[in-house]
């Protein structure tokens, strides 16, 4: 079974660079404390790494 990542937005995107805001939206996160689940792929890992200061990631 493939690993999944649970990504939670914990900090606001206000005042962040436009590419970071776009990455958060592409992950499917809208409001603070919103949670999404993604497959553990290199693309998702790269997106999470770009905004790692704004999100919390858990492997499930």
PDB file of N, CA and C in Angstrom:
ATOM      1  N   UNK A   1       0.842  -1.185   0.000  1.00  0.00           N
ATOM      2  CA  UNK A   1       0.000   0.000   0.000  1.00  0.00           C
ATOM      3  C   UNK A   1       0.887   1.248   0.000  1.00  0.00           C
ATOM      4  N   UNK A   2       0.524   2.203  -0.825  1.00  0.00           N
ATOM      5  CA  UNK A   2       1.307   3.430  -0.939  1.00  0.00           C
ATOM      6  C   UNK A   2       1.119   4.301   0.298  1.00  0.00           C
ATOM      7  N   UNK A   3       2.184   5.000   0.655  1.00  0.00           N
ATOM      8  CA  UNK A   3       2.103   5.910   1.795  1.00  0.00           C
ATOM      9  C   UNK A   3       1.299   7.139   1.421  1.00  0.00           C
ATOM     10  N   UNK A   4       0.681   7.727   2.413  1.00  0.00           N
ATOM     11  CA  UNK A   4      -0.086   8.966   2.235  1.00  0.00           C
ATOM     12  C   UNK A   4       0.516  10.032   3.134  1.00  0.00           C
ATOM     13  N   UNK A   5       0.336  11.274   2.728  1.00  0.00           N
ATOM     14  CA  UNK A   5       0.765  12.407   3.528  1.00  0.00           C
ATOM     15  C   UNK A   5      -0.455  13.231   3.905  1.00  0.00           C
ATOM     16  N   UNK A   6      -0.554  13.554   5.177  1.00  0.00           N
ATOM     17  CA  UNK A   6      -1.605  14.449   5.650  1.00  0.00           C
ATOM     18  C   UNK A   6      -0.967  15.808   5.871  1.00  0.00           C
ATOM     19  N   UNK A   7      -1.421  16.806   5.115  1.00  0.00           N
ATOM     20  CA  UNK A   7      -0.830  18.140   5.149  1.00  0.00           C
ATOM     21  C   UNK A   7      -1.824  19.099   5.778  1.00  0.00           C
ATOM     22  N   UNK A   8      -1.381  19.837   6.800  1.00  0.00           N
ATOM     23  CA  UNK A   8      -2.229  20.800   7.502  1.00  0.00           C
ATOM     24  C   UNK A   8      -1.596  22.180   7.411  1.00  0.00           C
ATOM     25  N   UNK A   9      -2.387  23.165   6.988  1.00  0.00           N
ATOM     26  CA  UNK A   9      -1.915  24.547   6.940  1.00  0.00           C
ATOM     27  C   UNK A   9      -1.985  25.131   8.348  1.00  0.00           C
ATOM     28  N   UNK A  10      -0.847  25.588   8.879  1.00  0.00           N
ATOM     29  CA  UNK A  10      -0.814  26.101  10.249  1.00  0.00           C
ATOM     30  C   UNK A  10      -0.451  27.575  10.336  1.00  0.00           C
ATOM     31  N   UNK A  11       0.020  28.167   9.236  1.00  0.00           N
ATOM     32  CA  UNK A  11       0.342  29.590   9.231  1.00  0.00           C
ATOM     33  C   UNK A  11      -0.290  30.237   8.010  1.00  0.00           C
ATOM     34  N   UNK A  12      -0.583  31.519   8.132  1.00  0.00           N
ATOM     35  CA  UNK A  12      -1.252  32.262   7.070  1.00  0.00           C
ATOM     36  C   UNK A  12      -0.325  32.498   5.878  1.00  0.00           C
ATOM     37  N   UNK A  13      -0.934  32.639   4.703  1.00  0.00           N
ATOM     38  CA  UNK A  13      -0.170  32.961   3.499  1.00  0.00           C
ATOM     39  C   UNK A  13      -0.106  34.467   3.253  1.00  0.00           C
ATOM     40  N   UNK A  14      -0.697  35.249   4.132  1.00  0.00           N
ATOM     41  CA  UNK A  14      -0.686  36.700   3.968  1.00  0.00           C
ATOM     42  C   UNK A  14       0.759  37.207   4.037  1.00  0.00           C
ATOM     43  N   UNK A  15       1.148  38.003   3.057  1.00  0.00           N
ATOM     44  CA  UNK A  15       2.485  38.581   3.024  1.00  0.00           C
ATOM     45  C   UNK A  15       3.545  37.644   2.484  1.00  0.00           C
ATOM     46  N   UNK A  16       3.155  36.474   2.010  1.00  0.00           N
ATOM     47  CA  UNK A  16       4.120  35.512   1.450  1.00  0.00           C
ATOM     48  C   UNK A  16       4.312  35.786  -0.031  1.00  0.00           C
ATOM     49  N   UNK A  17       5.358  35.188  -0.604  1.00  0.00           N
ATOM     50  CA  UNK A  17       5.607  35.334  -2.033  1.00  0.00           C
ATOM     51  C   UNK A  17       4.490  34.655  -2.822  1.00  0.00           C
ATOM     52  N   UNK A  18       4.245  35.179  -4.016  1.00  0.00           N
ATOM     53  CA  UNK A  18       3.144  34.679  -4.830  1.00  0.00           C
ATOM     54  C   UNK A  18       3.295  33.194  -5.164  1.00  0.00           C
ATOM     55  N   UNK A  19       4.523  32.726  -5.393  1.00  0.00           N
ATOM     56  CA  UNK A  19       4.702  31.307  -5.723  1.00  0.00           C
ATOM     57  C   UNK A  19       4.395  30.407  -4.529  1.00  0.00           C
ATOM     58  N   UNK A  20       4.638  30.891  -3.312  1.00  0.00           N
ATOM     59  CA  UNK A  20       4.295  30.106  -2.131  1.00  0.00           C
ATOM     60  C   UNK A  20       2.783  30.039  -1.944  1.00  0.00           C
ATOM     61  N   UNK A  21       2.095  31.153  -2.202  1.00  0.00           N
ATOM     62  CA  UNK A  21       0.633  31.169  -2.113  1.00  0.00           C
ATOM     63  C   UNK A  21       0.051  30.200  -3.136  1.00  0.00           C
ATOM     64  N   UNK A  22       0.587  30.211  -4.345  1.00  0.00           N
ATOM     65  CA  UNK A  22       0.103  29.324  -5.398  1.00  0.00           C
ATOM     66  C   UNK A  22       0.349  27.853  -5.039  1.00  0.00           C
ATOM     67  N   UNK A  23       1.474  27.562  -4.401  1.00  0.00           N
ATOM     68  CA  UNK A  23       1.780  26.192  -3.996  1.00  0.00           C
ATOM     69  C   UNK A  23       0.804  25.709  -2.934  1.00  0.00           C
ATOM     70  N   UNK A  24       0.484  26.562  -1.961  1.00  0.00           N
ATOM     71  CA  UNK A  24      -0.479  26.196  -0.921  1.00  0.00           C
ATOM     72  C   UNK A  24      -1.839  25.901  -1.551  1.00  0.00           C
ATOM     73  N   UNK A  25      -2.258  26.740  -2.487  1.00  0.00           N
ATOM     74  CA  UNK A  25      -3.537  26.524  -3.165  1.00  0.00           C
ATOM     75  C   UNK A  25      -3.514  25.245  -3.998  1.00  0.00           C
ATOM     76  N   UNK A  26      -2.386  24.970  -4.666  1.00  0.00           N
ATOM     77  CA  UNK A  26      -2.256  23.767  -5.484  1.00  0.00           C
ATOM     78  C   UNK A  26      -2.316  22.501  -4.625  1.00  0.00           C
ATOM     79  N   UNK A  27      -1.876  22.606  -3.388  1.00  0.00           N
ATOM     80  CA  UNK A  27      -1.985  21.477  -2.465  1.00  0.00           C
ATOM     81  C   UNK A  27      -3.430  21.265  -2.009  1.00  0.00           C
ATOM     82  N   UNK A  28      -4.286  22.244  -2.246  1.00  0.00           N
ATOM     83  CA  UNK A  28      -5.691  22.129  -1.868  1.00  0.00           C
ATOM     84  C   UNK A  28      -6.009  22.722  -0.517  1.00  0.00           C
ATOM     85  N   UNK A  29      -5.103  23.540  -0.002  1.00  0.00           N
ATOM     86  CA  UNK A  29      -5.296  24.157   1.311  1.00  0.00           C
ATOM     87  C   UNK A  29      -5.840  25.565   1.134  1.00  0.00           C
ATOM     88  N   UNK A  30      -6.876  25.907   1.906  1.00  0.00           N
ATOM     89  CA  UNK A  30      -7.487  27.224   1.787  1.00  0.00           C
ATOM     90  C   UNK A  30      -7.319  28.043   3.055  1.00  0.00           C
ATOM     91  N   UNK A  31      -7.859  27.549   4.145  1.00  0.00           N
ATOM     92  CA  UNK A  31      -7.834  28.285   5.403  1.00  0.00           C
ATOM     93  C   UNK A  31      -6.856  27.630   6.373  1.00  0.00           C
ATOM     94  N   UNK A  32      -6.485  28.381   7.400  1.00  0.00           N
ATOM     95  CA  UNK A  32      -5.631  27.829   8.445  1.00  0.00           C
ATOM     96  C   UNK A  32      -6.364  26.657   9.097  1.00  0.00           C
ATOM     97  N   UNK A  33      -5.631  25.611   9.404  1.00  0.00           N
ATOM     98  CA  UNK A  33      -6.120  24.357   9.967  1.00  0.00           C
ATOM     99  C   UNK A  33      -6.894  23.507   8.967  1.00  0.00           C
ATOM    100  N   UNK A  34      -6.865  23.850   7.686  1.00  0.00           N
ATOM    101  CA  UNK A  34      -7.456  22.955   6.688  1.00  0.00           C
ATOM    102  C   UNK A  34      -6.483  21.799   6.458  1.00  0.00           C
ATOM    103  N   UNK A  35      -7.040  20.622   6.192  1.00  0.00           N
ATOM    104  CA  UNK A  35      -6.254  19.398   6.098  1.00  0.00           C
ATOM    105  C   UNK A  35      -6.566  18.705   4.775  1.00  0.00           C
ATOM    106  N   UNK A  36      -5.525  18.235   4.083  1.00  0.00           N
ATOM    107  CA  UNK A  36      -5.695  17.442   2.874  1.00  0.00           C
ATOM    108  C   UNK A  36      -4.799  16.216   2.955  1.00  0.00           C
ATOM    109  N   UNK A  37      -5.166  15.191   2.207  1.00  0.00           N
ATOM    110  CA  UNK A  37      -4.380  13.967   2.140  1.00  0.00           C
ATOM    111  C   UNK A  37      -3.934  13.756   0.704  1.00  0.00           C
ATOM    112  N   UNK A  38      -2.643  13.486   0.517  1.00  0.00           N
ATOM    113  CA  UNK A  38      -2.079  13.258  -0.812  1.00  0.00           C
ATOM    114  C   UNK A  38      -1.246  11.982  -0.778  1.00  0.00           C
ATOM    115  N   UNK A  39      -1.091  11.364  -1.957  1.00  0.00           N
ATOM    116  CA  UNK A  39      -0.146  10.258  -2.079  1.00  0.00           C
ATOM    117  C   UNK A  39       1.262  10.810  -1.902  1.00  0.00           C
ATOM    118  N   UNK A  40       2.140   9.963  -1.378  1.00  0.00           N
ATOM    119  CA  UNK A  40       3.528  10.366  -1.142  1.00  0.00           C
ATOM    120  C   UNK A  40       4.311  10.227  -2.447  1.00  0.00           C
ATOM    121  N   UNK A  41       4.346  11.296  -3.239  1.00  0.00           N
ATOM    122  CA  UNK A  41       5.090  11.303  -4.502  1.00  0.00           C
ATOM    123  C   UNK A  41       6.177  12.370  -4.429  1.00  0.00           C
ATOM    124  N   UNK A  42       7.182  12.268  -5.299  1.00  0.00           N
ATOM    125  CA  UNK A  42       8.229  13.299  -5.303  1.00  0.00           C
ATOM    126  C   UNK A  42       7.684  14.694  -5.594  1.00  0.00           C
ATOM    127  N   UNK A  43       6.634  14.785  -6.419  1.00  0.00           N
ATOM    128  CA  UNK A  43       6.062  16.088  -6.740  1.00  0.00           C
ATOM    129  C   UNK A  43       5.426  16.722  -5.504  1.00  0.00           C
ATOM    130  N   UNK A  44       4.659  15.940  -4.767  1.00  0.00           N
ATOM    131  CA  UNK A  44       4.012  16.450  -3.552  1.00  0.00           C
ATOM    132  C   UNK A  44       5.062  16.787  -2.508  1.00  0.00           C
ATOM    133  N   UNK A  45       6.088  15.944  -2.373  1.00  0.00           N
ATOM    134  CA  UNK A  45       7.173  16.232  -1.413  1.00  0.00           C
ATOM    135  C   UNK A  45       7.847  17.554  -1.750  1.00  0.00           C
ATOM    136  N   UNK A  46       8.057  17.822  -3.036  1.00  0.00           N
ATOM    137  CA  UNK A  46       8.679  19.080  -3.453  1.00  0.00           C
ATOM    138  C   UNK A  46       7.814  20.274  -3.115  1.00  0.00           C
ATOM    139  N   UNK A  47       6.499  20.136  -3.334  1.00  0.00           N
ATOM    140  CA  UNK A  47       5.581  21.226  -3.013  1.00  0.00           C
ATOM    141  C   UNK A  47       5.575  21.494  -1.513  1.00  0.00           C
ATOM    142  N   UNK A  48       5.546  20.423  -0.732  1.00  0.00           N
ATOM    143  CA  UNK A  48       5.539  20.557   0.725  1.00  0.00           C
ATOM    144  C   UNK A  48       6.848  21.185   1.195  1.00  0.00           C
ATOM    145  N   UNK A  49       7.951  20.790   0.588  1.00  0.00           N
ATOM    146  CA  UNK A  49       9.252  21.342   0.981  1.00  0.00           C
ATOM    147  C   UNK A  49       9.317  22.846   0.712  1.00  0.00           C
ATOM    148  N   UNK A  50       8.659  23.294  -0.334  1.00  0.00           N
ATOM    149  CA  UNK A  50       8.667  24.723  -0.683  1.00  0.00           C
ATOM    150  C   UNK A  50       7.946  25.570   0.356  1.00  0.00           C
ATOM    151  N   UNK A  51       6.913  24.997   0.998  1.00  0.00           N
ATOM    152  CA  UNK A  51       6.120  25.750   1.983  1.00  0.00           C
ATOM    153  C   UNK A  51       6.186  25.088   3.361  1.00  0.00           C
ATOM    154  N   UNK A  52       7.304  24.435   3.656  1.00  0.00           N
ATOM    155  CA  UNK A  52       7.432  23.689   4.911  1.00  0.00           C
ATOM    156  C   UNK A  52       7.293  24.559   6.154  1.00  0.00           C
ATOM    157  N   UNK A  53       7.533  25.868   6.007  1.00  0.00           N
ATOM    158  CA  UNK A  53       7.397  26.781   7.146  1.00  0.00           C
ATOM    159  C   UNK A  53       5.935  27.153   7.400  1.00  0.00           C
ATOM    160  N   UNK A  54       5.028  26.767   6.513  1.00  0.00           N
ATOM    161  CA  UNK A  54       3.614  27.100   6.653  1.00  0.00           C
ATOM    162  C   UNK A  54       2.745  25.887   6.986  1.00  0.00           C
ATOM    163  N   UNK A  55       3.282  24.686   6.818  1.00  0.00           N
ATOM    164  CA  UNK A  55       2.458  23.478   6.960  1.00  0.00           C
ATOM    165  C   UNK A  55       3.088  22.489   7.952  1.00  0.00           C
ATOM    166  N   UNK A  56       2.244  21.562   8.392  1.00  0.00           N
ATOM    167  CA  UNK A  56       2.702  20.418   9.177  1.00  0.00           C
ATOM    168  C   UNK A  56       2.338  19.176   8.387  1.00  0.00           C
ATOM    169  N   UNK A  57       3.278  18.233   8.274  1.00  0.00           N
ATOM    170  CA  UNK A  57       3.075  17.035   7.468  1.00  0.00           C
ATOM    171  C   UNK A  57       3.187  15.818   8.359  1.00  0.00           C
ATOM    172  N   UNK A  58       2.230  14.881   8.180  1.00  0.00           N
ATOM    173  CA  UNK A  58       2.244  13.606   8.900  1.00  0.00           C
ATOM    174  C   UNK A  58       2.130  12.483   7.880  1.00  0.00           C
ATOM    175  N   UNK A  59       2.915  11.439   8.071  1.00  0.00           N
ATOM    176  CA  UNK A  59       2.762  10.243   7.223  1.00  0.00           C
ATOM    177  C   UNK A  59       1.694   9.365   7.836  1.00  0.00           C
ATOM    178  N   UNK A  60       0.764   8.921   6.998  1.00  0.00           N
ATOM    179  CA  UNK A  60      -0.301   8.035   7.494  1.00  0.00           C
ATOM    180  C   UNK A  60      -0.366   6.790   6.638  1.00  0.00           C
TER     181      UNK A  60
END
